[in-house]
Amino acid sequence: MKQVEIDKKFNSQEEYFLFEEKSELKHELINGNLFEMSGTSVEHNEISGNIYLLLRNLLKGTDWKVFFEAIKVKTPGGNFFYPDAVVSFANTQKYFTETPVLIAEVLSVSTRTYDLTDKFIQYKKFDTLEYYLCAEPEQQVLFFYFKNETGDWITEIFTKDESIIDLPKLNISFTVKDIYHP
C-alpha cells in the first residue's frame, strides 16, 4: 500500500474530521495511524465515476444512498477508509457511513494487494456488507465478491462486455460494459 503515514494523533474522531475538513488531501485513519491518500490516474477517475453514476441511476427512487470518493466508511474496528463508491442504508453520519451494503474500489499498482486482502478483511467485518466490487483501471477486469445464502464470501471475475453482475439484495444488475464503456 503506497500511502504515506503522517505523524499525527487524534483524541477523538471529531478531531480527525476537523483535520480532514481543513486538509487539501484525504487521509485514511487505520489502527490509530493517519495515512495520506495518493492521487489517482485518469483511468481510475473515469471508472470510479462510471461506477458511481451507474449505481446512482440504478438506485434512483429507492432508500439506498450512493456516495462517491469523499465519504468515508467506518469499520466496526474503528478504522476510516475512503472507498471509490459505496451504497449504504439511509442512516448515515455527516462524514461517514457504518452500514455499507456495497463497496467499490478501483485498483492501482500501489494499492491492489492491499485493497484485495487487508482492506477486504476490514470490510468483511461489516454485518451489512453484501458486495465488494474491485475494478482494474488499465484492463477490463472486475473482481466481484458477494455473500452467498450461508454468509460465505464467493468471488467471481468478469472480463467480457456482456457479463452480467447481479446484485439481488439491491434488486439491480449491470454489465461489465456499463462500467468500462458506458
Protein backbone atom coordinates (compact mmCIF):
# COMPACT_ATOMS: atom_id res chain seq x y z
CA MET A 1 0.00 0.00 0.00
CA LYS A 2 1.66 3.22 -1.11
CA GLN A 3 0.19 5.57 1.42
CA VAL A 4 2.34 7.92 3.45
CA GLU A 5 1.94 7.62 7.22
CA ILE A 6 1.54 11.00 8.91
CA ASP A 7 2.81 11.55 12.45
CA LYS A 8 -0.45 12.92 13.86
CA LYS A 9 -2.65 11.58 16.64
CA PHE A 10 -6.25 12.47 17.49
CA ASN A 11 -8.08 12.38 20.81
CA SER A 12 -11.44 11.80 19.09
CA GLN A 13 -12.97 11.08 15.71
CA GLU A 14 -14.30 14.66 15.72
CA GLU A 15 -10.68 15.93 15.76
CA TYR A 16 -9.96 13.68 12.79
CA PHE A 17 -12.99 15.05 10.91
CA LEU A 18 -11.94 18.66 11.61
CA PHE A 19 -8.43 17.85 10.36
CA GLU A 20 -9.89 16.32 7.18
CA GLU A 21 -12.17 19.32 6.55
CA LYS A 22 -9.15 21.66 6.58
CA SER A 23 -6.82 19.41 4.63
CA GLU A 24 -6.34 19.63 0.87
CA LEU A 25 -5.55 15.90 0.83
CA LYS A 26 -7.59 12.95 2.07
CA HIS A 27 -6.31 10.74 4.88
CA GLU A 28 -7.47 7.32 5.99
CA LEU A 29 -7.31 6.53 9.69
CA ILE A 30 -6.12 2.95 10.21
CA ASN A 31 -5.41 1.48 13.64
CA GLY A 32 -4.94 4.98 15.04
CA ASN A 33 -2.45 5.95 12.32
CA LEU A 34 -3.11 8.59 9.68
CA PHE A 35 -2.28 7.73 6.07
CA GLU A 36 -2.20 10.30 3.25
CA MET A 37 -4.04 9.11 0.15
CA SER A 38 -2.17 9.14 -3.12
CA GLY A 39 -3.54 10.77 -6.26
CA THR A 40 -5.45 8.92 -8.96
CA SER A 41 -4.96 8.33 -12.66
CA VAL A 42 -7.37 9.49 -15.36
CA GLU A 43 -8.49 5.87 -15.88
CA HIS A 44 -9.09 5.43 -12.15
CA ASN A 45 -11.15 8.61 -12.02
CA GLU A 46 -13.23 7.68 -15.08
CA ILE A 47 -14.03 4.17 -13.83
CA SER A 48 -14.88 5.28 -10.29
CA GLY A 49 -17.13 7.98 -11.77
CA ASN A 50 -18.78 5.43 -14.05
CA ILE A 51 -19.46 3.11 -11.10
CA TYR A 52 -20.95 5.95 -9.05
CA LEU A 53 -23.20 7.22 -11.85
CA LEU A 54 -24.31 3.69 -12.75
CA LEU A 55 -25.26 2.85 -9.17
CA ARG A 56 -26.88 6.24 -8.61
CA ASN A 57 -29.05 5.84 -11.71
CA LEU A 58 -29.97 2.21 -10.96
CA LEU A 59 -30.90 3.02 -7.35
CA LYS A 60 -32.72 6.28 -8.04
CA GLY A 61 -36.05 6.42 -6.23
CA THR A 62 -35.03 3.84 -3.59
CA ASP A 63 -33.99 4.29 0.03
CA TRP A 64 -30.36 3.43 -0.78
CA LYS A 65 -27.73 6.19 -0.64
CA VAL A 66 -24.85 6.16 -3.13
CA PHE A 67 -21.65 8.02 -2.20
CA PHE A 68 -18.57 8.84 -4.23
CA GLU A 69 -14.92 9.07 -3.05
CA ALA A 70 -15.28 11.77 -0.36
CA ILE A 71 -17.49 9.90 2.12
CA LYS A 72 -15.73 7.55 4.50
CA VAL A 73 -16.78 4.17 5.80
CA LYS A 74 -16.13 3.49 9.48
CA THR A 75 -15.35 -0.17 10.08
CA PRO A 76 -16.51 -1.99 13.20
CA GLY A 77 -12.86 -1.82 14.32
CA GLY A 78 -12.93 2.00 14.19
CA ASN A 79 -10.88 2.47 11.01
CA PHE A 80 -11.89 5.05 8.41
CA PHE A 81 -11.48 4.33 4.69
CA TYR A 82 -12.41 6.29 1.55
CA PRO A 83 -13.90 3.80 -0.94
CA ASP A 84 -14.33 4.93 -4.53
CA ALA A 85 -18.08 4.32 -4.24
CA VAL A 86 -20.38 2.98 -1.54
CA VAL A 87 -24.06 2.07 -1.33
CA SER A 88 -25.45 2.40 2.15
CA PHE A 89 -28.61 2.45 4.17
CA ALA A 90 -30.10 5.92 4.60
CA ASN A 91 -28.93 6.27 8.22
CA THR A 92 -25.51 7.81 7.67
CA GLN A 93 -23.48 10.26 9.73
CA LYS A 94 -22.28 13.63 8.43
CA TYR A 95 -18.86 12.38 7.27
CA PHE A 96 -19.18 8.61 7.11
CA THR A 97 -21.39 5.55 6.99
CA GLU A 98 -21.26 2.41 9.12
CA THR A 99 -23.86 0.50 7.09
CA PRO A 100 -22.44 -0.19 3.63
CA VAL A 101 -24.16 -2.81 1.51
CA LEU A 102 -21.81 -2.42 -1.47
CA ILE A 103 -18.28 -1.04 -1.52
CA ALA A 104 -16.44 -0.41 -4.80
CA GLU A 105 -12.72 0.19 -5.19
CA VAL A 106 -10.76 0.96 -8.33
CA LEU A 107 -7.41 -0.78 -8.01
CA SER A 108 -3.97 0.65 -8.73
CA VAL A 109 -0.45 -0.74 -8.80
CA SER A 110 0.26 0.76 -5.36
CA THR A 111 -3.00 -0.36 -3.67
CA ARG A 112 -4.08 -3.57 -5.50
CA THR A 113 -2.74 -6.08 -2.97
CA TYR A 114 -3.91 -4.03 0.00
CA ASP A 115 -7.41 -3.50 -1.46
CA LEU A 116 -7.85 -7.20 -2.29
CA THR A 117 -6.56 -8.51 1.04
CA ASP A 118 -6.09 -6.32 4.12
CA LYS A 119 -8.77 -3.78 3.29
CA PHE A 120 -11.22 -6.51 2.28
CA ILE A 121 -10.60 -8.23 5.64
CA GLN A 122 -11.61 -4.97 7.33
CA TYR A 123 -14.65 -4.55 5.07
CA LYS A 124 -15.88 -8.11 5.74
CA LYS A 125 -16.39 -7.11 9.39
CA PHE A 126 -19.46 -5.08 8.38
CA ASP A 127 -22.60 -7.10 9.10
CA THR A 128 -24.39 -5.11 6.41
CA LEU A 129 -21.87 -5.61 3.58
CA GLU A 130 -23.13 -7.91 0.80
CA TYR A 131 -20.96 -6.87 -2.17
CA TYR A 132 -17.36 -5.80 -2.76
CA LEU A 133 -16.53 -4.75 -6.32
CA CYS A 134 -12.93 -4.11 -7.41
CA ALA A 135 -12.16 -2.78 -10.88
CA GLU A 136 -8.84 -2.80 -12.69
CA PRO A 137 -8.31 0.61 -14.30
CA GLU A 138 -5.96 -0.34 -17.13
CA GLN A 139 -7.66 -3.52 -18.31
CA GLN A 140 -11.25 -4.70 -18.31
CA VAL A 141 -11.31 -6.92 -15.21
CA LEU A 142 -13.86 -6.83 -12.37
CA PHE A 143 -13.35 -8.79 -9.16
CA PHE A 144 -16.79 -9.29 -7.63
CA TYR A 145 -17.11 -10.61 -4.08
CA PHE A 146 -20.54 -11.40 -2.65
CA LYS A 147 -22.07 -13.22 0.29
CA ASN A 148 -23.98 -16.36 -0.54
CA GLU A 149 -27.10 -17.52 1.33
CA THR A 150 -24.98 -19.09 4.12
CA GLY A 151 -22.91 -15.91 4.62
CA ASP A 152 -19.75 -17.20 2.93
CA TRP A 153 -17.90 -14.89 0.54
CA ILE A 154 -17.76 -16.00 -3.10
CA THR A 155 -15.51 -14.49 -5.79
CA GLU A 156 -16.26 -14.08 -9.47
CA ILE A 157 -14.06 -12.42 -12.07
CA PHE A 158 -15.61 -10.73 -15.11
CA THR A 159 -13.81 -9.58 -18.27
CA LYS A 160 -16.36 -9.61 -21.12
CA ASP A 161 -18.58 -6.66 -22.04
CA GLU A 162 -21.76 -8.75 -21.88
CA SER A 163 -21.02 -10.37 -18.49
CA ILE A 164 -23.80 -9.56 -16.03
CA ILE A 165 -23.15 -8.64 -12.41
CA ASP A 166 -26.28 -9.41 -10.41
CA LEU A 167 -26.96 -7.72 -7.05
CA PRO A 168 -30.25 -9.24 -5.83
CA LYS A 169 -30.12 -7.56 -2.38
CA LEU A 170 -30.24 -4.20 -4.20
CA ASN A 171 -32.60 -5.52 -6.89
CA ILE A 172 -30.28 -4.38 -9.70
CA SER A 173 -27.87 -5.81 -12.25
CA PHE A 174 -25.48 -4.35 -14.81
CA THR A 175 -22.87 -5.43 -17.33
CA VAL A 176 -19.10 -5.00 -17.41
CA LYS A 177 -19.66 -2.72 -20.41
CA ASP A 178 -21.73 -0.41 -18.19
CA ILE A 179 -18.61 0.29 -16.14
CA TYR A 180 -15.89 0.32 -18.80
CA HIS A 181 -17.76 1.65 -21.86
CA PRO A 182 -20.94 3.45 -20.75
